Amino acid sequence: MSIKKHIPNSITCCNLFSGCIACTMAFEGQYVWALTFIVLGAVFDFFDGMAARLLHVSSPMGVQMDSLADDVTFGFAPAAVVFNFMHQLSYPTYLGPIAALLPYAAFLIAVFSAVRLAKFNIDTRQTTSFIGLPTPANALFWASLVAGAGDWVLSLNAGWFLMLALIILSSYLLVSEIKMFSLKFKRLAWRANRRRYIFLIVALPMLSLGLVAAVPIIAWYVILSVYLSLKK
């Protein structure tokens, strides 16, 4: 039995392993480490598909494993980050006993990520682009927001409202019918990749922002995708 057929699934397992550690770090309040392992999971997620294509060993089992791993790393892990973080927020007294329940809204991220992944598996339209926000992008947004701008959110009187609004918005974007472009280059010509180059030209300087960099980068990705969708 050739060992190469197991390489993509082994990489997928590394993604899942990274996601499990990210969840643990999230519940312990180690948000920078949670972000680190989500990023690591995203790297494994990129290379498992590439390995399957290069080795010509794609399989139905690999597809299912990939989705299960992704929902942990890019669904439950960011949800755990937000859930733990929302317990640190201050809530107005008029919310009364429901204030203690609001952090549980974070798990909508995991739920809608699962729906997004299931739709991707059966949607033949998503071979060269995406319909709805990709789960890795959503996970990076949330982990980066908490790890890089958590203190700022905590300083806001309405930080709880901002988090709830963003949860609702990101849940909608995950399952929306908005067409979002892929960052994969098939060739380097400007005309064929104009939107990708425009995205990268604006996004690359944002990396200098450090831990919070993924927040404006993902926001820019969504804004550009929406603009291009409306332009057609």
Protein backbone atom coordinates (compact mmCIF):
# COMPACT_ATOMS: atom_id res chain seq x y z
CA MET A 1 0.00 0.00 0.00
CA SER A 2 1.50 3.34 -1.06
CA ILE A 3 2.19 5.72 1.80
CA LYS A 4 1.47 8.72 -0.41
CA LYS A 5 -2.30 8.12 -0.26
CA HIS A 6 -2.17 8.85 3.49
CA ILE A 7 -0.19 12.10 3.25
CA PRO A 8 -3.13 14.52 2.62
CA ASN A 9 -5.23 12.99 5.42
CA SER A 10 -2.25 13.15 7.76
CA ILE A 11 -1.91 16.86 7.03
CA THR A 12 -5.65 17.26 7.66
CA CYS A 13 -5.16 15.55 11.04
CA CYS A 14 -2.48 18.14 11.84
CA ASN A 15 -5.09 20.81 11.09
CA LEU A 16 -7.51 19.14 13.50
CA PHE A 17 -4.80 18.76 16.15
CA SER A 18 -3.97 22.46 15.84
CA GLY A 19 -7.66 23.32 16.18
CA CYS A 20 -8.00 21.28 19.36
CA ILE A 21 -5.05 23.10 20.92
CA ALA A 22 -6.52 26.43 19.80
CA CYS A 23 -9.76 25.55 21.62
CA THR A 24 -7.85 24.74 24.80
CA MET A 25 -5.90 28.00 24.60
CA ALA A 26 -9.15 29.90 24.04
CA PHE A 27 -10.82 28.54 27.18
CA GLU A 28 -7.66 29.32 29.16
CA GLY A 29 -7.71 32.92 27.93
CA GLN A 30 -4.46 32.50 25.99
CA TYR A 31 -5.76 34.34 22.96
CA VAL A 32 -2.44 34.91 21.22
CA TRP A 33 -1.72 31.18 21.36
CA ALA A 34 -5.25 30.44 20.14
CA LEU A 35 -4.63 32.74 17.16
CA THR A 36 -1.26 31.08 16.56
CA PHE A 37 -2.74 27.59 16.35
CA ILE A 38 -5.64 28.78 14.16
CA VAL A 39 -3.06 30.24 11.77
CA LEU A 40 -1.11 26.97 11.91
CA GLY A 41 -4.32 25.06 11.18
CA ALA A 42 -4.93 27.33 8.18
CA VAL A 43 -1.45 26.47 6.86
CA PHE A 44 -2.18 22.74 7.17
CA ASP A 45 -5.59 23.29 5.56
CA PHE A 46 -3.92 24.93 2.57
CA PHE A 47 -1.39 22.16 2.09
CA ASP A 48 -3.68 19.14 2.53
CA GLY A 49 -5.68 20.04 -0.56
CA MET A 50 -2.54 20.89 -2.49
CA ALA A 51 -0.97 17.56 -1.52
CA ALA A 52 -4.08 15.66 -2.61
CA ARG A 53 -4.02 17.34 -6.01
CA LEU A 54 -0.28 16.94 -6.57
CA LEU A 55 -0.29 13.29 -5.51
CA HIS A 56 -3.59 12.53 -7.27
CA VAL A 57 -4.98 10.84 -4.18
CA SER A 58 -8.20 12.79 -3.52
CA SER A 59 -10.87 10.70 -1.82
CA PRO A 60 -14.40 11.09 -0.39
CA MET A 61 -12.98 10.29 3.05
CA GLY A 62 -10.48 13.13 2.69
CA VAL A 63 -13.30 15.55 1.88
CA GLN A 64 -15.23 14.55 5.00
CA MET A 65 -12.15 14.70 7.23
CA ASP A 66 -11.28 18.13 5.87
CA SER A 67 -14.72 19.52 6.73
CA LEU A 68 -14.69 18.01 10.22
CA ALA A 69 -11.23 19.41 10.92
CA ASP A 70 -12.21 22.80 9.54
CA ASP A 71 -15.27 23.08 11.76
CA VAL A 72 -13.08 22.53 14.81
CA THR A 73 -10.24 24.86 13.78
CA PHE A 74 -12.26 27.52 12.00
CA GLY A 75 -15.66 27.06 13.67
CA PHE A 76 -15.45 25.93 17.26
CA ALA A 77 -12.01 27.43 18.05
CA PRO A 78 -12.97 31.04 17.18
CA ALA A 79 -16.33 30.50 18.89
CA ALA A 80 -14.47 29.41 22.05
CA VAL A 81 -12.26 32.50 21.81
CA VAL A 82 -15.27 34.80 21.59
CA PHE A 83 -17.22 32.89 24.27
CA ASN A 84 -14.41 33.17 26.80
CA PHE A 85 -13.70 36.80 25.89
CA MET A 86 -17.35 37.87 26.23
CA HIS A 87 -17.31 36.77 29.86
CA GLN A 88 -14.81 39.57 30.46
CA LEU A 89 -17.06 42.28 29.05
CA SER A 90 -19.14 44.67 31.12
CA TYR A 91 -22.89 44.49 30.56
CA PRO A 92 -25.45 47.18 31.41
CA THR A 93 -27.63 46.53 34.44
CA TYR A 94 -30.84 46.78 32.39
CA LEU A 95 -29.96 43.51 30.68
CA GLY A 96 -30.41 41.80 34.04
CA PRO A 97 -30.11 38.00 34.10
CA ILE A 98 -29.87 37.64 30.31
CA ALA A 99 -26.39 39.21 30.43
CA ALA A 100 -24.99 35.89 31.63
CA LEU A 101 -26.47 34.18 28.56
CA LEU A 102 -25.08 36.56 25.93
CA PRO A 103 -21.61 34.94 25.68
CA TYR A 104 -23.30 31.76 24.42
CA ALA A 105 -24.20 33.64 21.23
CA ALA A 106 -20.55 33.07 20.30
CA PHE A 107 -21.34 29.47 19.40
CA LEU A 108 -23.40 30.71 16.46
CA ILE A 109 -19.98 31.07 14.81
CA ALA A 110 -19.47 27.31 15.07
CA VAL A 111 -23.01 26.54 13.90
CA PHE A 112 -22.91 28.77 10.82
CA SER A 113 -19.38 27.60 10.02
CA ALA A 114 -20.71 24.01 9.90
CA VAL A 115 -23.51 25.11 7.57
CA ARG A 116 -20.99 26.97 5.40
CA LEU A 117 -18.75 23.90 5.14
CA ALA A 118 -21.67 21.61 4.33
CA LYS A 119 -22.85 23.97 1.59
CA PHE A 120 -19.34 24.11 0.14
CA ASN A 121 -19.18 20.31 -0.12
CA ILE A 122 -22.33 20.08 -2.24
CA ASP A 123 -22.19 23.38 -4.14
CA THR A 124 -20.72 22.92 -7.62
CA ARG A 125 -20.52 26.70 -8.10
CA GLN A 126 -17.53 27.00 -5.74
CA THR A 127 -14.80 25.44 -7.86
CA THR A 128 -12.98 28.68 -8.74
CA SER A 129 -14.48 31.12 -6.21
CA PHE A 130 -16.47 31.08 -2.97
CA ILE A 131 -20.11 31.70 -2.16
CA GLY A 132 -20.10 33.24 1.30
CA LEU A 133 -17.17 34.05 3.59
CA PRO A 134 -14.64 31.17 3.82
CA THR A 135 -14.41 29.75 7.35
CA PRO A 136 -10.61 30.26 7.69
CA ALA A 137 -11.04 33.98 6.96
CA ASN A 138 -13.83 34.24 9.53
CA ALA A 139 -11.77 32.40 12.16
CA LEU A 140 -8.73 34.60 11.58
CA PHE A 141 -10.89 37.71 11.90
CA TRP A 142 -12.24 36.69 15.30
CA ALA A 143 -9.00 35.39 16.76
CA SER A 144 -7.13 38.47 15.56
CA LEU A 145 -9.78 40.83 16.93
CA VAL A 146 -9.64 39.34 20.43
CA ALA A 147 -5.87 38.78 20.52
CA GLY A 148 -4.95 42.14 18.99
CA ALA A 149 -7.77 44.51 19.94
CA GLY A 150 -9.32 42.81 22.97
CA ASP A 151 -8.25 45.55 25.38
CA TRP A 152 -9.84 48.18 23.14
CA VAL A 153 -13.13 46.26 22.98
CA LEU A 154 -13.08 45.86 26.78
CA SER A 155 -12.71 49.63 27.16
CA LEU A 156 -15.91 50.29 25.23
CA ASN A 157 -19.17 50.76 27.12
CA ALA A 158 -20.96 49.06 24.26
CA GLY A 159 -18.30 46.39 23.66
CA TRP A 160 -20.91 43.68 24.28
CA PHE A 161 -23.15 45.17 21.59
CA LEU A 162 -20.27 45.38 19.11
CA MET A 163 -19.44 41.71 19.65
CA LEU A 164 -23.05 40.62 19.23
CA ALA A 165 -23.43 42.71 16.08
CA LEU A 166 -20.25 41.23 14.62
CA ILE A 167 -21.40 37.68 15.48
CA ILE A 168 -24.65 38.27 13.60
CA LEU A 169 -22.83 39.87 10.65
CA SER A 170 -20.21 37.15 10.34
CA SER A 171 -22.83 34.40 10.67
CA TYR A 172 -24.74 35.99 7.81
CA LEU A 173 -21.62 36.37 5.65
CA LEU A 174 -20.72 32.71 6.13
CA VAL A 175 -23.96 31.46 4.56
CA SER A 176 -24.71 34.41 2.28
CA GLU A 177 -24.92 34.18 -1.51
CA ILE A 178 -22.22 36.83 -1.91
CA LYS A 179 -19.57 35.68 -4.37
CA MET A 180 -16.08 36.02 -2.92
CA PHE A 181 -12.96 35.58 -5.02
CA SER A 182 -10.31 32.96 -4.41
CA LEU A 183 -6.69 33.98 -3.79
CA LYS A 184 -5.31 31.05 -5.81
CA PHE A 185 -3.26 32.12 -8.83
CA LYS A 186 -3.42 29.88 -11.91
CA ARG A 187 -1.17 32.28 -13.83
CA LEU A 188 0.52 35.59 -13.01
CA ALA A 189 -0.99 37.82 -15.70
CA TRP A 190 -2.43 41.08 -14.33
CA ARG A 191 -5.63 40.92 -16.38
CA ALA A 192 -6.60 37.46 -15.13
CA ASN A 193 -5.72 38.28 -11.51
CA ARG A 194 -6.49 41.99 -11.23
CA ARG A 195 -8.77 41.62 -8.21
CA ARG A 196 -6.20 39.45 -6.42
CA TYR A 197 -3.39 41.90 -7.06
CA ILE A 198 -5.52 44.84 -5.91
CA PHE A 199 -6.38 42.95 -2.75
CA LEU A 200 -2.74 42.11 -2.03
CA ILE A 201 -1.46 45.63 -2.77
CA VAL A 202 -3.77 47.04 -0.11
CA ALA A 203 -3.57 44.11 2.32
CA LEU A 204 0.18 43.53 2.56
CA PRO A 205 0.96 46.85 4.34
CA MET A 206 -1.69 45.93 6.93
CA LEU A 207 0.51 43.07 8.13
CA SER A 208 2.58 45.72 9.95
CA LEU A 209 -0.34 46.11 12.39
CA GLY A 210 0.71 42.87 14.12
CA LEU A 211 -1.81 40.69 15.93
CA VAL A 212 -4.78 42.77 14.84
CA ALA A 213 -3.77 42.71 11.16
CA ALA A 214 -6.29 40.05 10.11
CA VAL A 215 -9.20 42.30 11.14
CA PRO A 216 -8.69 45.01 8.47
CA ILE A 217 -7.40 42.46 5.95
CA ILE A 218 -10.54 40.31 6.18
CA ALA A 219 -12.72 43.43 6.23
CA TRP A 220 -10.99 44.62 3.04
CA TYR A 221 -11.50 41.19 1.46
CA VAL A 222 -15.24 41.28 2.22
CA ILE A 223 -15.65 44.89 1.04
CA LEU A 224 -13.82 44.22 -2.23
CA SER A 225 -15.81 41.01 -2.81
CA VAL A 226 -19.13 42.78 -2.21
CA TYR A 227 -18.11 45.63 -4.51
CA LEU A 228 -17.14 43.25 -7.30
CA SER A 229 -20.38 41.29 -6.86
CA LEU A 230 -22.51 44.44 -7.07
CA LYS A 231 -20.52 45.73 -10.03
CA LYS A 232 -21.50 42.77 -12.22
